[in-house]
Amino acid sequence: MQLFKSIKIYKFDLLVALYIFGWMSAEIFGGKTFPLTNFSWMHLNASVAIFVLPLLFTITDVVVEVHGKERARSLVWSGLIIIALVLLFSLLATNLPPSQRFAPKEAAYDQVFGTTARIAAASLTAFAIAELLDIAVFSKIREKMKKKALWLRNNASNFISQFVDSTIFLFLAFYAFDRSFADNFGFLFSLIIPYWLIRCFFSVVQTPLVYLGVWWLRAPTPSAPAYKTPLRGFSSRRVRSESDTRAALPEKNKSKK
């Protein structure tokens, strides 16, 4: 019991961990699809990543709401670097020759962890652009609406950014250069529109998580300020937030005079 009391986990650190978890899960497991509808006139499949991708946009919106857009951009760039490193390591791991003992499993290992350069580049490019766009749109709407209607700001920015994400990824990953633009356009948009609408639906369903996340990240504990507080139930010590530090600077300067 004493061991758990000595563990200290700060809220924003946990949020970053959840963000990286979601992005890595989408990249590693997103290759699997499952049937969503199976009517006689419609057969629609979706990637399992659809369960975590809207959550990632939700996390960035929460960070913008509490910490500002610069902190959210830092989160996105950090996630991008981590995923790029994981993909680079996967290329190394799958291209190294197997030991004699592992040789029978090599084909399955390469099939699971091997990702084509085109798919990897398309995924990283699309998601990075969409996340940065989400932050920009959410911040702009937040400014125009004077921080009101969080549900509307969250979903409006998510709808726009997820459409961009789906469009860029599918075009970069599956555009057939041996076919005409009109043929590619018709085929790819037949995939983009249903997939985007499904992601919009999940975004709406996850709207309560935005309010919960903002409340949780802002809520202070008795022994620490808001924004940089440990999780309840763990021991904590006073840690100054950025706003506390800035507020203390004038007093410090006055004392020097």
Protein backbone atom coordinates (compact mmCIF):
# COMPACT_ATOMS: atom_id res chain seq x y z
CA MET A 1 0.00 0.00 0.00
CA GLN A 2 2.87 2.34 0.78
CA LEU A 3 4.28 1.68 -2.68
CA PHE A 4 1.11 2.98 -4.37
CA LYS A 5 1.08 6.08 -2.17
CA SER A 6 4.58 6.97 -3.34
CA ILE A 7 3.62 6.73 -7.04
CA LYS A 8 3.09 10.13 -8.61
CA ILE A 9 1.39 10.49 -12.01
CA TYR A 10 0.65 13.96 -13.31
CA LYS A 11 -2.50 14.44 -15.33
CA PHE A 12 -0.91 15.88 -18.45
CA ASP A 13 1.71 13.10 -18.49
CA LEU A 14 -1.08 10.52 -18.44
CA LEU A 15 -2.89 12.39 -21.23
CA VAL A 16 0.27 12.32 -23.37
CA ALA A 17 0.61 8.58 -22.70
CA LEU A 18 -3.01 8.02 -23.80
CA TYR A 19 -2.40 10.06 -26.94
CA ILE A 20 0.68 8.04 -27.88
CA PHE A 21 -1.20 4.82 -27.09
CA GLY A 22 -4.04 5.80 -29.42
CA TRP A 23 -1.74 6.81 -32.26
CA MET A 24 0.38 3.66 -31.97
CA SER A 25 -2.72 1.47 -31.75
CA ALA A 26 -4.11 3.05 -34.92
CA GLU A 27 -0.82 2.52 -36.77
CA ILE A 28 -0.11 -1.03 -35.56
CA PHE A 29 -3.61 -2.53 -35.49
CA GLY A 30 -5.37 -0.32 -38.05
CA GLY A 31 -4.69 -2.73 -40.90
CA LYS A 32 -7.52 -4.98 -39.74
CA THR A 33 -11.02 -4.23 -41.03
CA PHE A 34 -14.34 -5.49 -39.73
CA PRO A 35 -17.89 -5.42 -41.19
CA LEU A 36 -20.05 -2.50 -40.08
CA THR A 37 -23.08 -3.14 -42.26
CA ASN A 38 -23.97 -6.20 -44.27
CA PHE A 39 -27.26 -5.38 -45.95
CA SER A 40 -28.08 -6.81 -49.35
CA TRP A 41 -27.48 -3.40 -50.94
CA MET A 42 -24.60 -2.23 -48.75
CA HIS A 43 -21.45 -3.92 -47.50
CA LEU A 44 -19.40 -1.49 -45.48
CA ASN A 45 -16.18 -2.32 -43.66
CA ALA A 46 -14.05 -0.14 -41.42
CA SER A 47 -10.63 -0.26 -39.83
CA VAL A 48 -10.44 -1.08 -36.12
CA ALA A 49 -8.57 2.23 -35.81
CA ILE A 50 -11.94 3.98 -36.05
CA PHE A 51 -12.39 3.40 -32.32
CA VAL A 52 -9.27 5.39 -31.36
CA LEU A 53 -8.82 8.00 -34.11
CA PRO A 54 -11.73 10.26 -33.00
CA LEU A 55 -10.37 10.00 -29.44
CA LEU A 56 -7.04 11.47 -30.58
CA PHE A 57 -8.77 14.53 -32.02
CA THR A 58 -10.74 14.81 -28.78
CA ILE A 59 -7.53 14.79 -26.72
CA THR A 60 -5.99 17.61 -28.77
CA ASP A 61 -9.18 19.66 -28.38
CA VAL A 62 -9.03 19.16 -24.61
CA VAL A 63 -5.39 20.26 -24.56
CA VAL A 64 -6.19 23.38 -26.62
CA GLU A 65 -9.08 24.24 -24.30
CA VAL A 66 -6.96 23.96 -21.14
CA HIS A 67 -3.35 24.64 -22.17
CA GLY A 68 -3.59 26.44 -25.51
CA LYS A 69 -2.81 25.60 -29.12
CA GLU A 70 1.00 25.71 -28.78
CA ARG A 71 0.94 22.92 -26.20
CA ALA A 72 -1.41 20.91 -28.42
CA ARG A 73 0.90 21.34 -31.43
CA SER A 74 3.81 20.14 -29.31
CA LEU A 75 1.77 17.05 -28.43
CA VAL A 76 1.09 16.31 -32.11
CA TRP A 77 4.74 16.75 -33.15
CA SER A 78 5.88 14.56 -30.26
CA GLY A 79 3.46 11.84 -31.32
CA LEU A 80 4.61 12.12 -34.92
CA ILE A 81 8.24 11.63 -33.91
CA ILE A 82 7.39 8.58 -31.79
CA ILE A 83 5.40 6.91 -34.56
CA ALA A 84 8.08 7.68 -37.14
CA LEU A 85 10.67 6.04 -34.88
CA VAL A 86 8.44 2.98 -34.39
CA LEU A 87 7.97 2.62 -38.16
CA LEU A 88 11.70 3.00 -38.79
CA PHE A 89 12.44 0.38 -36.17
CA SER A 90 9.85 -1.94 -37.73
CA LEU A 91 11.73 -1.66 -41.03
CA LEU A 92 14.96 -2.61 -39.25
CA ALA A 93 13.38 -5.47 -37.32
CA THR A 94 11.65 -7.02 -40.32
CA ASN A 95 14.71 -6.78 -42.57
CA LEU A 96 17.19 -8.35 -40.18
CA PRO A 97 17.81 -12.06 -40.88
CA PRO A 98 16.13 -14.38 -38.34
CA SER A 99 17.95 -16.81 -36.11
CA GLN A 100 17.56 -20.51 -36.86
CA ARG A 101 15.16 -20.90 -33.96
CA PHE A 102 12.95 -17.98 -35.10
CA ALA A 103 13.07 -18.75 -38.84
CA PRO A 104 9.75 -20.67 -38.97
CA LYS A 105 7.94 -17.62 -37.52
CA GLU A 106 9.69 -15.02 -39.72
CA ALA A 107 7.01 -14.88 -42.44
CA ALA A 108 4.21 -14.28 -39.93
CA TYR A 109 6.33 -11.70 -38.07
CA ASP A 110 7.07 -9.78 -41.25
CA GLN A 111 3.44 -9.92 -42.34
CA VAL A 112 2.23 -8.45 -39.03
CA PHE A 113 4.89 -5.78 -38.49
CA GLY A 114 5.99 -5.05 -42.04
CA THR A 115 4.45 -1.88 -43.45
CA THR A 116 4.99 -0.63 -46.96
CA ALA A 117 6.73 2.73 -47.19
CA ARG A 118 3.83 4.21 -49.15
CA ILE A 119 1.17 3.24 -46.58
CA ALA A 120 3.34 4.43 -43.68
CA ALA A 121 4.11 7.77 -45.35
CA ALA A 122 0.45 8.29 -46.29
CA SER A 123 -0.72 7.56 -42.76
CA LEU A 124 1.80 9.83 -41.05
CA THR A 125 1.32 12.68 -43.53
CA ALA A 126 -2.48 12.58 -43.41
CA PHE A 127 -2.77 12.34 -39.65
CA ALA A 128 -0.18 15.04 -38.91
CA ILE A 129 -1.86 17.51 -41.30
CA ALA A 130 -5.33 16.67 -39.98
CA GLU A 131 -4.31 17.03 -36.33
CA LEU A 132 -2.64 20.40 -36.89
CA LEU A 133 -5.69 21.53 -38.87
CA ASP A 134 -7.97 20.38 -36.04
CA ILE A 135 -6.01 22.52 -33.57
CA ALA A 136 -6.14 25.56 -35.87
CA VAL A 137 -9.88 25.25 -36.58
CA PHE A 138 -10.79 24.55 -32.95
CA SER A 139 -8.72 27.54 -31.77
CA LYS A 140 -10.25 29.86 -34.36
CA ILE A 141 -13.83 28.83 -33.54
CA ARG A 142 -13.00 29.09 -29.82
CA GLU A 143 -11.85 32.67 -30.35
CA LYS A 144 -14.88 33.62 -32.45
CA MET A 145 -17.37 32.03 -30.00
CA LYS A 146 -15.62 33.44 -26.94
CA LYS A 147 -14.97 29.96 -25.46
CA LYS A 148 -18.67 28.99 -25.59
CA ALA A 149 -20.34 25.84 -27.01
CA LEU A 150 -17.48 23.39 -26.49
CA TRP A 151 -19.53 20.58 -28.04
CA LEU A 152 -19.96 22.55 -31.28
CA ARG A 153 -16.31 23.60 -31.49
CA ASN A 154 -15.14 20.06 -30.86
CA ASN A 155 -17.37 18.41 -33.44
CA ALA A 156 -16.98 21.11 -36.10
CA SER A 157 -13.18 20.91 -35.95
CA ASN A 158 -13.30 17.10 -35.84
CA PHE A 159 -15.60 16.83 -38.87
CA ILE A 160 -13.35 19.07 -40.97
CA SER A 161 -10.03 17.55 -39.89
CA GLN A 162 -11.20 13.94 -40.15
CA PHE A 163 -12.46 14.55 -43.68
CA VAL A 164 -9.02 15.91 -44.57
CA ASP A 165 -7.36 12.95 -42.85
CA SER A 166 -9.45 10.38 -44.73
CA THR A 167 -9.04 12.15 -48.08
CA ILE A 168 -5.27 12.62 -47.89
CA PHE A 169 -4.61 9.10 -46.62
CA LEU A 170 -6.73 7.28 -49.19
CA PHE A 171 -5.43 9.37 -52.08
CA LEU A 172 -1.78 8.95 -51.08
CA ALA A 173 -2.10 5.27 -50.24
CA PHE A 174 -4.41 3.97 -52.97
CA TYR A 175 -4.27 6.35 -55.92
CA ALA A 176 -3.67 4.20 -59.03
CA PHE A 177 -1.27 5.99 -61.36
CA ASP A 178 -2.18 3.70 -64.27
CA ARG A 179 -5.80 4.93 -64.21
CA SER A 180 -7.38 8.27 -65.07
CA PHE A 181 -8.01 10.94 -62.45
CA ALA A 182 -11.79 10.64 -62.95
CA ASP A 183 -11.65 6.89 -62.32
CA ASN A 184 -9.53 7.36 -59.18
CA PHE A 185 -11.71 10.21 -57.95
CA GLY A 186 -14.94 8.21 -58.21
CA PHE A 187 -13.48 5.10 -56.59
CA LEU A 188 -11.67 6.85 -53.74
CA PHE A 189 -14.59 9.08 -52.81
CA SER A 190 -16.83 6.02 -52.68
CA LEU A 191 -14.54 4.96 -49.81
CA ILE A 192 -13.92 8.37 -48.26
CA ILE A 193 -17.52 9.54 -47.74
CA PRO A 194 -18.86 6.48 -45.83
CA TYR A 195 -15.67 6.20 -43.79
CA TRP A 196 -15.76 9.91 -42.93
CA LEU A 197 -19.42 9.75 -41.90
CA ILE A 198 -18.68 6.84 -39.58
CA ARG A 199 -15.84 8.77 -37.98
CA CYS A 200 -18.14 11.77 -37.55
CA PHE A 201 -20.63 9.52 -35.77
CA PHE A 202 -17.95 8.32 -33.34
CA SER A 203 -16.89 11.92 -32.78
CA VAL A 204 -20.43 12.85 -31.73
CA VAL A 205 -20.66 9.81 -29.45
CA GLN A 206 -17.40 10.81 -27.76
CA THR A 207 -18.49 14.43 -27.17
CA PRO A 208 -19.10 13.87 -23.41
CA LEU A 209 -15.45 12.83 -23.14
CA VAL A 210 -14.40 16.36 -24.14
CA TYR A 211 -16.30 17.90 -21.23
CA LEU A 212 -15.03 15.18 -18.90
CA GLY A 213 -11.45 15.65 -20.09
CA VAL A 214 -11.51 19.45 -19.68
CA TRP A 215 -13.03 19.15 -16.20
CA TRP A 216 -10.52 16.47 -15.17
CA LEU A 217 -7.49 18.33 -16.49
CA ARG A 218 -8.52 21.60 -14.87
CA ALA A 219 -9.60 20.23 -11.50
CA PRO A 220 -6.99 20.99 -8.81
CA THR A 221 -6.16 18.77 -5.87
CA PRO A 222 -5.93 20.30 -2.37
CA SER A 223 -2.12 20.14 -2.39
CA ALA A 224 -1.34 21.31 -5.92
CA PRO A 225 -2.48 23.92 -8.47
CA ALA A 226 -4.70 23.22 -11.44
CA TYR A 227 -3.27 21.86 -14.71
CA LYS A 228 -0.18 20.28 -13.09
CA THR A 229 -1.80 18.16 -10.40
CA PRO A 230 -1.16 14.48 -9.66
CA LEU A 231 -4.04 12.06 -9.90
CA ARG A 232 -6.19 11.84 -6.79
CA GLY A 233 -5.15 9.09 -4.42
CA PHE A 234 -1.42 9.59 -5.00
CA SER A 235 0.94 11.62 -2.84
CA SER A 236 1.89 15.02 -4.20
CA ARG A 237 4.03 18.05 -3.57
CA ARG A 238 3.54 21.66 -4.62
CA VAL A 239 4.55 22.22 -8.26
CA ARG A 240 4.16 25.66 -9.73
CA SER A 241 2.26 26.00 -12.96
CA GLU A 242 3.39 28.29 -15.75
CA SER A 243 0.74 30.83 -14.80
CA ASP A 244 1.89 30.78 -11.16
CA THR A 245 5.47 31.42 -12.24
CA ARG A 246 4.50 34.31 -14.50
CA ALA A 247 2.36 35.84 -11.74
CA ALA A 248 5.25 35.67 -9.30
CA LEU A 249 7.72 37.42 -11.60
CA PRO A 250 6.48 41.01 -11.04
CA GLU A 251 6.62 40.56 -7.26
CA LYS A 252 10.16 39.25 -7.53
CA ASN A 253 11.20 42.21 -9.68
CA LYS A 254 9.63 44.64 -7.23
CA SER A 255 11.57 43.13 -4.34
CA LYS A 256 14.84 43.67 -6.25
CA LYS A 257 14.01 47.36 -6.69
